[in-house]
Amino acid sequence: MSYTCFDVDEADHVAHVQLRRPDELNTMVPAFWRELPEIVAEISDRGSARALVLSSTGRHFSAGMDLAVFGGGSNLDAVTSGPGRSPDPAAPAEAELGRTRANLRLNVLHLQEAFTALERARMPVLAAVQGGCIGGAVDMVCAADMRYATADAFFCIQEINIGMTADVGTLQRLPKLIPEGIVREYAYTGRRMPAARAHELGFVNAVFVDHHALLAGVHEIAAEIAARSPLAVWGSKEMITYARDHTVGDGLNYMATWQAGMFHSQDMIEEFTAKAAKRSTEHPDLLAVRRGLE
């Protein structure tokens, strides 16, 4: 399938989703918000990919929300017919303010879901960031499992610089990734966080010398993940994400319930057998997900 904002491919159980509008700094136009959750859900449901690399093209990873989304005209109309920030311009002029604002809330929730799709995916998502990762792009990579960056990369909670509060995930996820006081400083000032500082804080796992080395390194990590049991990796992702948002007791209880249903010995037997035979493991894919009555 052809997309406006992304190129998608899969090889050796690793899916690669790449932002493809470098001349426009990979800004998040209305099509972006429709395509990303659709792509991620399709890859997750298919079950053959065991890791997903999210990368970009050009000088910058993404400059965030396209400014046209904040103005009038056809771009705004396209956004508010689905995800978006502004009330429907086609609504009656006398529309009651509460009802109008209630619709705005639903639109923001729709935007948030585009990035929550990364957390819900059954495989880990590895974000590979080059250059600027600005505004909504920070929201996006915060929802990934891991982040990697080039030496010239930087992260900026840009929303404060244009007079608004970041609203699609940065302020909710970033304090779970780095110290809260640091988050507050960057959120309140709009300063850039250089890659070296992001690495020091643990926000990015590693820094690479350039874009080529970044993609090679991240794909190598993704391939290592893809060699493991996809069921065990999915369970690990599920448990870590759940534990982030719950008490230790809740997490342990959920772990026991998950293990009671999902743990079977075949993947362990394959790991030990492969090691003894000094060969690569051969784990079956996750089963495809059927939605509704399909």
C-alpha atoms as a PDB file:
ATOM      1  CA  MET A   1       0.000   0.000   0.000  1.00  0.00           C
ATOM      2  CA  SER A   2       1.162   3.541  -0.767  1.00  0.00           C
ATOM      3  CA  TYR A   3       1.170   6.201   1.959  1.00  0.00           C
ATOM      4  CA  THR A   4       1.538   9.979   1.899  1.00  0.00           C
ATOM      5  CA  CYS A   5       3.879  10.261   4.882  1.00  0.00           C
ATOM      6  CA  PHE A   6       5.589   6.890   5.203  1.00  0.00           C
ATOM      7  CA  ASP A   7       7.498   4.148   3.433  1.00  0.00           C
ATOM      8  CA  VAL A   8       6.946   0.699   4.914  1.00  0.00           C
ATOM      9  CA  ASP A   9       8.843  -2.536   4.376  1.00  0.00           C
ATOM     10  CA  GLU A  10       9.666  -5.719   6.241  1.00  0.00           C
ATOM     11  CA  ALA A  11      12.629  -8.080   6.003  1.00  0.00           C
ATOM     12  CA  ASP A  12      13.852 -10.870   8.260  1.00  0.00           C
ATOM     13  CA  HIS A  13      11.056 -10.245  10.779  1.00  0.00           C
ATOM     14  CA  VAL A  14      11.962  -6.553  11.172  1.00  0.00           C
ATOM     15  CA  ALA A  15       9.473  -3.934   9.957  1.00  0.00           C
ATOM     16  CA  HIS A  16      10.811  -0.537   8.933  1.00  0.00           C
ATOM     17  CA  VAL A  17       8.467   2.471   9.002  1.00  0.00           C
ATOM     18  CA  GLN A  18      10.164   5.562   7.603  1.00  0.00           C
ATOM     19  CA  LEU A  19       8.914   9.149   7.469  1.00  0.00           C
ATOM     20  CA  ARG A  20       9.243  10.180   3.825  1.00  0.00           C
ATOM     21  CA  ARG A  21       8.698  13.945   3.533  1.00  0.00           C
ATOM     22  CA  PRO A  22      12.225  15.299   4.077  1.00  0.00           C
ATOM     23  CA  ASP A  23      11.721  18.480   2.047  1.00  0.00           C
ATOM     24  CA  GLU A  24       8.873  19.425   4.421  1.00  0.00           C
ATOM     25  CA  LEU A  25      10.939  18.428   7.493  1.00  0.00           C
ATOM     26  CA  ASN A  26       8.612  15.446   7.929  1.00  0.00           C
ATOM     27  CA  THR A  27       5.965  17.618   9.532  1.00  0.00           C
ATOM     28  CA  MET A  28       2.808  15.917  10.752  1.00  0.00           C
ATOM     29  CA  VAL A  29       0.138  16.797   8.206  1.00  0.00           C
ATOM     30  CA  PRO A  30      -3.429  15.429   8.549  1.00  0.00           C
ATOM     31  CA  ALA A  31      -2.566  12.253   6.610  1.00  0.00           C
ATOM     32  CA  PHE A  32       0.150  11.448   9.154  1.00  0.00           C
ATOM     33  CA  TRP A  33      -2.361  11.018  11.970  1.00  0.00           C
ATOM     34  CA  ARG A  34      -4.485   8.627   9.920  1.00  0.00           C
ATOM     35  CA  GLU A  35      -1.644   6.594   8.467  1.00  0.00           C
ATOM     36  CA  LEU A  36       0.607   5.952  11.480  1.00  0.00           C
ATOM     37  CA  PRO A  37      -1.870   4.035  13.683  1.00  0.00           C
ATOM     38  CA  GLU A  38      -3.162   2.160  10.636  1.00  0.00           C
ATOM     39  CA  ILE A  39       0.372   1.063   9.663  1.00  0.00           C
ATOM     40  CA  VAL A  40       1.396   0.062  13.184  1.00  0.00           C
ATOM     41  CA  ALA A  41      -1.824  -1.862  13.833  1.00  0.00           C
ATOM     42  CA  GLU A  42      -1.526  -3.725  10.523  1.00  0.00           C
ATOM     43  CA  ILE A  43       2.067  -4.749  11.231  1.00  0.00           C
ATOM     44  CA  SER A  44       1.219  -5.789  14.787  1.00  0.00           C
ATOM     45  CA  ASP A  45      -1.870  -7.746  13.759  1.00  0.00           C
ATOM     46  CA  ARG A  46      -0.085  -9.583  10.939  1.00  0.00           C
ATOM     47  CA  GLY A  47       2.310 -11.124  13.443  1.00  0.00           C
ATOM     48  CA  SER A  48       5.344 -11.714  11.220  1.00  0.00           C
ATOM     49  CA  ALA A  49       7.348  -8.672  12.372  1.00  0.00           C
ATOM     50  CA  ARG A  50       9.127  -9.109  15.697  1.00  0.00           C
ATOM     51  CA  ALA A  51      10.576  -5.593  15.929  1.00  0.00           C
ATOM     52  CA  LEU A  52       9.665  -2.276  14.308  1.00  0.00           C
ATOM     53  CA  VAL A  53      12.221   0.397  13.435  1.00  0.00           C
ATOM     54  CA  LEU A  54      10.747   3.899  13.198  1.00  0.00           C
ATOM     55  CA  SER A  55      13.101   6.211  11.328  1.00  0.00           C
ATOM     56  CA  SER A  56      13.080   9.247   9.093  1.00  0.00           C
ATOM     57  CA  THR A  57      14.694  10.887   6.088  1.00  0.00           C
ATOM     58  CA  GLY A  58      16.517  14.118   5.407  1.00  0.00           C
ATOM     59  CA  ARG A  59      18.242  16.529   7.755  1.00  0.00           C
ATOM     60  CA  HIS A  60      15.665  16.310  10.555  1.00  0.00           C
ATOM     61  CA  PHE A  61      13.629  13.483  12.043  1.00  0.00           C
ATOM     62  CA  SER A  62      10.483  15.641  12.265  1.00  0.00           C
ATOM     63  CA  ALA A  63       9.577  19.256  12.945  1.00  0.00           C
ATOM     64  CA  GLY A  64       6.329  18.118  14.579  1.00  0.00           C
ATOM     65  CA  MET A  65       2.810  19.278  13.821  1.00  0.00           C
ATOM     66  CA  ASP A  66       2.458  21.040  10.472  1.00  0.00           C
ATOM     67  CA  LEU A  67       1.607  24.675  11.203  1.00  0.00           C
ATOM     68  CA  ALA A  68      -1.161  24.564   8.608  1.00  0.00           C
ATOM     69  CA  VAL A  69      -3.080  22.412  11.068  1.00  0.00           C
ATOM     70  CA  PHE A  70      -3.374  25.435  13.346  1.00  0.00           C
ATOM     71  CA  GLY A  71      -4.733  27.710  10.604  1.00  0.00           C
ATOM     72  CA  GLY A  72      -7.822  27.647   8.436  1.00  0.00           C
ATOM     73  CA  GLY A  73      -8.502  26.228   5.025  1.00  0.00           C
ATOM     74  CA  SER A  74      -8.469  22.753   3.601  1.00  0.00           C
ATOM     75  CA  ASN A  75      -5.750  21.378   5.886  1.00  0.00           C
ATOM     76  CA  LEU A  76      -7.767  22.317   8.950  1.00  0.00           C
ATOM     77  CA  ASP A  77     -10.890  20.855   7.412  1.00  0.00           C
ATOM     78  CA  ALA A  78      -9.059  17.599   6.752  1.00  0.00           C
ATOM     79  CA  VAL A  79      -7.837  17.385  10.320  1.00  0.00           C
ATOM     80  CA  THR A  80     -11.118  18.188  12.015  1.00  0.00           C
ATOM     81  CA  SER A  81     -12.940  15.588   9.956  1.00  0.00           C
ATOM     82  CA  GLY A  82     -10.800  13.079  11.855  1.00  0.00           C
ATOM     83  CA  PRO A  83      -7.966  13.896  14.253  1.00  0.00           C
ATOM     84  CA  GLY A  84      -7.339  17.579  14.880  1.00  0.00           C
ATOM     85  CA  ARG A  85      -7.264  20.476  17.306  1.00  0.00           C
ATOM     86  CA  SER A  86      -9.903  22.944  16.207  1.00  0.00           C
ATOM     87  CA  PRO A  87     -13.684  22.912  16.212  1.00  0.00           C
ATOM     88  CA  ASP A  88     -15.367  21.938  12.977  1.00  0.00           C
ATOM     89  CA  PRO A  89     -15.517  25.076  10.777  1.00  0.00           C
ATOM     90  CA  ALA A  90     -18.651  23.692   9.160  1.00  0.00           C
ATOM     91  CA  ALA A  91     -20.490  23.644  12.492  1.00  0.00           C
ATOM     92  CA  PRO A  92     -23.341  26.148  12.875  1.00  0.00           C
ATOM     93  CA  ALA A  93     -22.116  29.601  13.901  1.00  0.00           C
ATOM     94  CA  GLU A  94     -24.411  29.517  16.912  1.00  0.00           C
ATOM     95  CA  ALA A  95     -23.021  26.167  18.166  1.00  0.00           C
ATOM     96  CA  GLU A  96     -22.917  26.170  21.955  1.00  0.00           C
ATOM     97  CA  LEU A  97     -19.376  26.620  23.319  1.00  0.00           C
ATOM     98  CA  GLY A  98     -19.463  23.575  25.600  1.00  0.00           C
ATOM     99  CA  ARG A  99     -20.391  21.287  22.705  1.00  0.00           C
ATOM    100  CA  THR A 100     -17.698  22.786  20.508  1.00  0.00           C
ATOM    101  CA  ARG A 101     -15.028  22.312  23.164  1.00  0.00           C
ATOM    102  CA  ALA A 102     -16.226  18.759  23.855  1.00  0.00           C
ATOM    103  CA  ASN A 103     -15.511  17.952  20.214  1.00  0.00           C
ATOM    104  CA  LEU A 104     -12.063  19.508  20.527  1.00  0.00           C
ATOM    105  CA  ARG A 105     -11.357  17.178  23.444  1.00  0.00           C
ATOM    106  CA  LEU A 106     -12.303  14.190  21.288  1.00  0.00           C
ATOM    107  CA  ASN A 107      -9.989  15.426  18.550  1.00  0.00           C
ATOM    108  CA  VAL A 108      -7.045  15.663  20.950  1.00  0.00           C
ATOM    109  CA  LEU A 109      -7.789  12.153  22.219  1.00  0.00           C
ATOM    110  CA  HIS A 110      -7.732  10.979  18.603  1.00  0.00           C
ATOM    111  CA  LEU A 111      -4.275  12.487  18.132  1.00  0.00           C
ATOM    112  CA  GLN A 112      -3.043  10.797  21.299  1.00  0.00           C
ATOM    113  CA  GLU A 113      -4.232   7.422  20.035  1.00  0.00           C
ATOM    114  CA  ALA A 114      -1.923   7.694  17.018  1.00  0.00           C
ATOM    115  CA  PHE A 115       1.093   7.414  19.319  1.00  0.00           C
ATOM    116  CA  THR A 116      -0.459   5.048  21.843  1.00  0.00           C
ATOM    117  CA  ALA A 117      -0.595   2.607  18.915  1.00  0.00           C
ATOM    118  CA  LEU A 118       3.181   2.273  19.294  1.00  0.00           C
ATOM    119  CA  GLU A 119       2.781   1.156  22.918  1.00  0.00           C
ATOM    120  CA  ARG A 120      -0.001  -1.270  22.032  1.00  0.00           C
ATOM    121  CA  ALA A 121       1.957  -2.975  19.261  1.00  0.00           C
ATOM    122  CA  ARG A 122       2.894  -6.558  20.042  1.00  0.00           C
ATOM    123  CA  MET A 123       6.527  -5.985  19.038  1.00  0.00           C
ATOM    124  CA  PRO A 124       9.078  -3.477  20.365  1.00  0.00           C
ATOM    125  CA  VAL A 125       9.363  -0.135  18.555  1.00  0.00           C
ATOM    126  CA  LEU A 126      12.875   1.297  18.138  1.00  0.00           C
ATOM    127  CA  ALA A 127      12.974   5.005  17.215  1.00  0.00           C
ATOM    128  CA  ALA A 128      16.020   6.163  15.224  1.00  0.00           C
ATOM    129  CA  VAL A 129      16.323   9.947  15.442  1.00  0.00           C
ATOM    130  CA  GLN A 130      18.531  12.201  13.325  1.00  0.00           C
ATOM    131  CA  GLY A 131      18.660  15.992  13.525  1.00  0.00           C
ATOM    132  CA  GLY A 132      15.703  17.752  15.068  1.00  0.00           C
ATOM    133  CA  CYS A 133      12.975  15.901  16.948  1.00  0.00           C
ATOM    134  CA  ILE A 134      10.576  18.709  17.691  1.00  0.00           C
ATOM    135  CA  GLY A 135       7.139  19.157  19.244  1.00  0.00           C
ATOM    136  CA  GLY A 136       4.850  16.287  18.276  1.00  0.00           C
ATOM    137  CA  ALA A 137       7.875  14.222  17.269  1.00  0.00           C
ATOM    138  CA  VAL A 138       8.947  14.135  20.929  1.00  0.00           C
ATOM    139  CA  ASP A 139       5.460  12.905  21.837  1.00  0.00           C
ATOM    140  CA  MET A 140       5.888  10.161  19.243  1.00  0.00           C
ATOM    141  CA  VAL A 141       9.310   8.868  20.285  1.00  0.00           C
ATOM    142  CA  CYS A 142       8.293   8.908  23.955  1.00  0.00           C
ATOM    143  CA  ALA A 143       5.807   6.170  23.038  1.00  0.00           C
ATOM    144  CA  ALA A 144       8.529   3.986  21.504  1.00  0.00           C
ATOM    145  CA  ASP A 145      10.207   1.223  23.496  1.00  0.00           C
ATOM    146  CA  MET A 146      13.706   2.565  22.890  1.00  0.00           C
ATOM    147  CA  ARG A 147      15.259   5.624  21.301  1.00  0.00           C
ATOM    148  CA  TYR A 148      18.577   6.013  19.479  1.00  0.00           C
ATOM    149  CA  ALA A 149      20.049   9.193  18.017  1.00  0.00           C
ATOM    150  CA  THR A 150      22.750  10.707  15.868  1.00  0.00           C
ATOM    151  CA  ALA A 151      25.342  12.918  17.512  1.00  0.00           C
ATOM    152  CA  ASP A 152      23.749  16.026  15.979  1.00  0.00           C
ATOM    153  CA  ALA A 153      20.221  15.140  17.111  1.00  0.00           C
ATOM    154  CA  PHE A 154      18.258  17.255  19.546  1.00  0.00           C
ATOM    155  CA  PHE A 155      14.854  17.096  21.214  1.00  0.00           C
ATOM    156  CA  CYS A 156      12.623  20.094  21.847  1.00  0.00           C
ATOM    157  CA  ILE A 157       9.253  20.388  23.592  1.00  0.00           C
ATOM    158  CA  GLN A 158       8.367  23.079  21.095  1.00  0.00           C
ATOM    159  CA  GLU A 159       4.772  23.639  22.165  1.00  0.00           C
ATOM    160  CA  ILE A 160       5.700  26.074  24.934  1.00  0.00           C
ATOM    161  CA  ASN A 161       7.501  28.207  22.328  1.00  0.00           C
ATOM    162  CA  ILE A 162       4.259  28.705  20.425  1.00  0.00           C
ATOM    163  CA  GLY A 163       2.085  29.385  23.454  1.00  0.00           C
ATOM    164  CA  MET A 164       0.485  26.016  24.116  1.00  0.00           C
ATOM    165  CA  THR A 165       0.842  22.977  26.346  1.00  0.00           C
ATOM    166  CA  ALA A 166       2.132  19.763  24.787  1.00  0.00           C
ATOM    167  CA  ASP A 167      -0.926  17.548  24.589  1.00  0.00           C
ATOM    168  CA  VAL A 168      -0.264  14.223  22.858  1.00  0.00           C
ATOM    169  CA  GLY A 169       1.949  12.342  25.301  1.00  0.00           C
ATOM    170  CA  THR A 170       5.249  14.042  26.109  1.00  0.00           C
ATOM    171  CA  LEU A 171       4.178  15.393  29.500  1.00  0.00           C
ATOM    172  CA  GLN A 172       2.670  12.040  30.481  1.00  0.00           C
ATOM    173  CA  ARG A 173       5.430   9.688  29.265  1.00  0.00           C
ATOM    174  CA  LEU A 174       8.649  11.676  29.535  1.00  0.00           C
ATOM    175  CA  PRO A 175       8.543  11.950  33.371  1.00  0.00           C
ATOM    176  CA  LYS A 176       8.530   8.126  33.416  1.00  0.00           C
ATOM    177  CA  LEU A 177      11.719   8.109  31.328  1.00  0.00           C
ATOM    178  CA  ILE A 178      13.887  10.868  32.850  1.00  0.00           C
ATOM    179  CA  PRO A 179      13.812  12.822  36.145  1.00  0.00           C
ATOM    180  CA  GLU A 180      10.710  14.968  36.594  1.00  0.00           C
ATOM    181  CA  GLY A 181      12.643  18.134  37.369  1.00  0.00           C
ATOM    182  CA  ILE A 182      14.521  17.835  34.077  1.00  0.00           C
ATOM    183  CA  VAL A 183      11.243  17.365  32.212  1.00  0.00           C
ATOM    184  CA  ARG A 184       9.836  20.470  33.852  1.00  0.00           C
ATOM    185  CA  GLU A 185      12.855  22.545  32.840  1.00  0.00           C
ATOM    186  CA  TYR A 186      12.615  21.569  29.185  1.00  0.00           C
ATOM    187  CA  ALA A 187       8.800  21.778  29.140  1.00  0.00           C
ATOM    188  CA  TYR A 188       8.756  25.258  30.692  1.00  0.00           C
ATOM    189  CA  THR A 189      11.654  26.758  28.703  1.00  0.00           C
ATOM    190  CA  GLY A 190      11.397  25.123  25.289  1.00  0.00           C
ATOM    191  CA  ARG A 191      15.158  24.605  25.245  1.00  0.00           C
ATOM    192  CA  ARG A 192      16.766  21.961  23.069  1.00  0.00           C
ATOM    193  CA  MET A 193      18.013  18.756  24.678  1.00  0.00           C
ATOM    194  CA  PRO A 194      21.139  17.671  22.740  1.00  0.00           C
ATOM    195  CA  ALA A 195      21.685  13.994  21.993  1.00  0.00           C
ATOM    196  CA  ALA A 196      24.584  13.781  24.444  1.00  0.00           C
ATOM    197  CA  ARG A 197      22.402  15.114  27.264  1.00  0.00           C
ATOM    198  CA  ALA A 198      19.544  12.800  26.268  1.00  0.00           C
ATOM    199  CA  HIS A 199      21.951   9.870  26.431  1.00  0.00           C
ATOM    200  CA  GLU A 200      23.288  11.005  29.800  1.00  0.00           C
ATOM    201  CA  LEU A 201      19.722  11.100  31.152  1.00  0.00           C
ATOM    202  CA  GLY A 202      18.869   7.691  29.695  1.00  0.00           C
ATOM    203  CA  PHE A 203      16.290   9.053  27.263  1.00  0.00           C
ATOM    204  CA  VAL A 204      18.233   7.598  24.340  1.00  0.00           C
ATOM    205  CA  ASN A 205      19.970   4.238  24.565  1.00  0.00           C
ATOM    206  CA  ALA A 206      22.933   5.104  22.347  1.00  0.00           C
ATOM    207  CA  VAL A 207      24.311   7.883  20.155  1.00  0.00           C
ATOM    208  CA  PHE A 208      25.748   7.172  16.694  1.00  0.00           C
ATOM    209  CA  VAL A 209      28.135   9.276  14.674  1.00  0.00           C
ATOM    210  CA  ASP A 210      25.805   9.819  11.699  1.00  0.00           C
ATOM    211  CA  HIS A 211      22.523   8.742  10.112  1.00  0.00           C
ATOM    212  CA  HIS A 212      24.036   5.781   8.260  1.00  0.00           C
ATOM    213  CA  ALA A 213      25.618   4.401  11.414  1.00  0.00           C
ATOM    214  CA  LEU A 214      22.369   5.036  13.317  1.00  0.00           C
ATOM    215  CA  LEU A 215      20.240   2.971  10.945  1.00  0.00           C
ATOM    216  CA  ALA A 216      22.806   0.174  10.772  1.00  0.00           C
ATOM    217  CA  GLY A 217      23.126   0.051  14.551  1.00  0.00           C
ATOM    218  CA  VAL A 218      19.392   0.151  15.247  1.00  0.00           C
ATOM    219  CA  HIS A 219      18.664  -2.533  12.657  1.00  0.00           C
ATOM    220  CA  GLU A 220      21.327  -4.709  14.277  1.00  0.00           C
ATOM    221  CA  ILE A 221      19.576  -4.369  17.641  1.00  0.00           C
ATOM    222  CA  ALA A 222      16.195  -5.039  16.008  1.00  0.00           C
ATOM    223  CA  ALA A 223      17.591  -8.196  14.392  1.00  0.00           C
ATOM    224  CA  GLU A 224      18.827  -9.409  17.785  1.00  0.00           C
ATOM    225  CA  ILE A 225      15.342  -8.893  19.221  1.00  0.00           C
ATOM    226  CA  ALA A 226      13.785 -10.652  16.220  1.00  0.00           C
ATOM    227  CA  ALA A 227      15.874 -13.753  16.944  1.00  0.00           C
ATOM    228  CA  ARG A 228      14.173 -14.209  20.333  1.00  0.00           C
ATOM    229  CA  SER A 229      10.818 -15.809  21.023  1.00  0.00           C
ATOM    230  CA  PRO A 230       8.260 -13.255  19.797  1.00  0.00           C
ATOM    231  CA  LEU A 231       5.806 -14.411  22.453  1.00  0.00           C
ATOM    232  CA  ALA A 232       8.360 -13.894  25.230  1.00  0.00           C
ATOM    233  CA  VAL A 233       9.312 -10.471  23.836  1.00  0.00           C
ATOM    234  CA  TRP A 234       5.662  -9.446  23.602  1.00  0.00           C
ATOM    235  CA  GLY A 235       5.134 -10.586  27.189  1.00  0.00           C
ATOM    236  CA  SER A 236       8.180  -8.588  28.313  1.00  0.00           C
ATOM    237  CA  LYS A 237       6.884  -5.448  26.600  1.00  0.00           C
ATOM    238  CA  GLU A 238       3.425  -5.947  28.066  1.00  0.00           C
ATOM    239  CA  MET A 239       4.774  -6.390  31.591  1.00  0.00           C
ATOM    240  CA  ILE A 240       7.192  -3.440  31.502  1.00  0.00           C
ATOM    241  CA  THR A 241       4.517  -1.080  30.181  1.00  0.00           C
ATOM    242  CA  TYR A 242       1.973  -2.319  32.717  1.00  0.00           C
ATOM    243  CA  ALA A 243       4.447  -2.012  35.595  1.00  0.00           C
ATOM    244  CA  ARG A 244       5.168   1.592  34.626  1.00  0.00           C
ATOM    245  CA  ASP A 245       1.561   2.567  35.323  1.00  0.00           C
ATOM    246  CA  HIS A 246       0.728   0.282  38.282  1.00  0.00           C
ATOM    247  CA  THR A 247       1.999  -0.756  41.681  1.00  0.00           C
ATOM    248  CA  VAL A 248       4.538  -3.544  42.105  1.00  0.00           C
ATOM    249  CA  GLY A 249       1.784  -5.739  43.545  1.00  0.00           C
ATOM    250  CA  ASP A 250      -0.492  -5.102  40.586  1.00  0.00           C
ATOM    251  CA  GLY A 251       2.361  -5.876  38.203  1.00  0.00           C
ATOM    252  CA  LEU A 252       3.212  -9.136  39.922  1.00  0.00           C
ATOM    253  CA  ASN A 253      -0.418 -10.205  39.879  1.00  0.00           C
ATOM    254  CA  TYR A 254      -0.741  -9.422  36.170  1.00  0.00           C
ATOM    255  CA  MET A 255       2.528 -11.290  35.503  1.00  0.00           C
ATOM    256  CA  ALA A 256       1.206 -14.415  37.187  1.00  0.00           C
ATOM    257  CA  THR A 257      -2.014 -14.243  35.188  1.00  0.00           C
ATOM    258  CA  TRP A 258      -0.148 -13.680  31.901  1.00  0.00           C
ATOM    259  CA  GLN A 259       2.261 -16.518  32.607  1.00  0.00           C
ATOM    260  CA  ALA A 260      -0.550 -18.909  33.461  1.00  0.00           C
ATOM    261  CA  GLY A 261      -2.021 -18.437  30.010  1.00  0.00           C
ATOM    262  CA  MET A 262       0.975 -17.660  27.783  1.00  0.00           C
ATOM    263  CA  PHE A 263       3.901 -19.687  29.150  1.00  0.00           C
ATOM    264  CA  HIS A 264       4.626 -22.890  27.283  1.00  0.00           C
ATOM    265  CA  SER A 265       7.893 -24.765  27.160  1.00  0.00           C
ATOM    266  CA  GLN A 266       8.391 -25.091  23.395  1.00  0.00           C
ATOM    267  CA  ASP A 267      10.208 -21.775  22.989  1.00  0.00           C
ATOM    268  CA  MET A 268      12.511 -22.644  25.912  1.00  0.00           C
ATOM    269  CA  ILE A 269      13.220 -26.066  24.428  1.00  0.00           C
ATOM    270  CA  GLU A 270      14.097 -24.428  21.107  1.00  0.00           C
ATOM    271  CA  GLU A 271      16.486 -21.992  22.822  1.00  0.00           C
ATOM    272  CA  PHE A 272      18.352 -24.784  24.616  1.00  0.00           C
ATOM    273  CA  THR A 273      18.343 -27.062  21.561  1.00  0.00           C
ATOM    274  CA  ALA A 274      19.682 -24.313  19.298  1.00  0.00           C
ATOM    275  CA  LYS A 275      22.457 -23.452  21.753  1.00  0.00           C
ATOM    276  CA  ALA A 276      23.480 -27.100  22.044  1.00  0.00           C
ATOM    277  CA  ALA A 277      23.528 -27.463  18.261  1.00  0.00           C
ATOM    278  CA  LYS A 278      25.262 -24.087  17.857  1.00  0.00           C
ATOM    279  CA  ARG A 279      22.618 -22.874  15.425  1.00  0.00           C
ATOM    280  CA  SER A 280      20.183 -19.983  15.215  1.00  0.00           C
ATOM    281  CA  THR A 281      16.813 -20.339  16.893  1.00  0.00           C
ATOM    282  CA  GLU A 282      13.679 -20.908  14.821  1.00  0.00           C
ATOM    283  CA  HIS A 283      10.653 -19.610  16.679  1.00  0.00           C
ATOM    284  CA  PRO A 284       7.194 -19.502  15.082  1.00  0.00           C
ATOM    285  CA  ASP A 285       5.601 -16.124  14.414  1.00  0.00           C
ATOM    286  CA  LEU A 286       2.801 -14.759  16.537  1.00  0.00           C
ATOM    287  CA  LEU A 287      -0.593 -15.673  15.184  1.00  0.00           C
ATOM    288  CA  ALA A 288      -2.329 -13.062  13.070  1.00  0.00           C
ATOM    289  CA  VAL A 289      -5.012 -11.085  14.881  1.00  0.00           C
ATOM    290  CA  ARG A 290      -8.555 -11.298  13.559  1.00  0.00           C
ATOM    291  CA  ARG A 291     -10.664  -8.185  14.063  1.00  0.00           C
ATOM    292  CA  GLY A 292     -14.407  -8.421  14.430  1.00  0.00           C
ATOM    293  CA  LEU A 293     -15.967 -10.993  12.092  1.00  0.00           C
ATOM    294  CA  GLU A 294     -13.158 -11.058   9.537  1.00  0.00           C
END
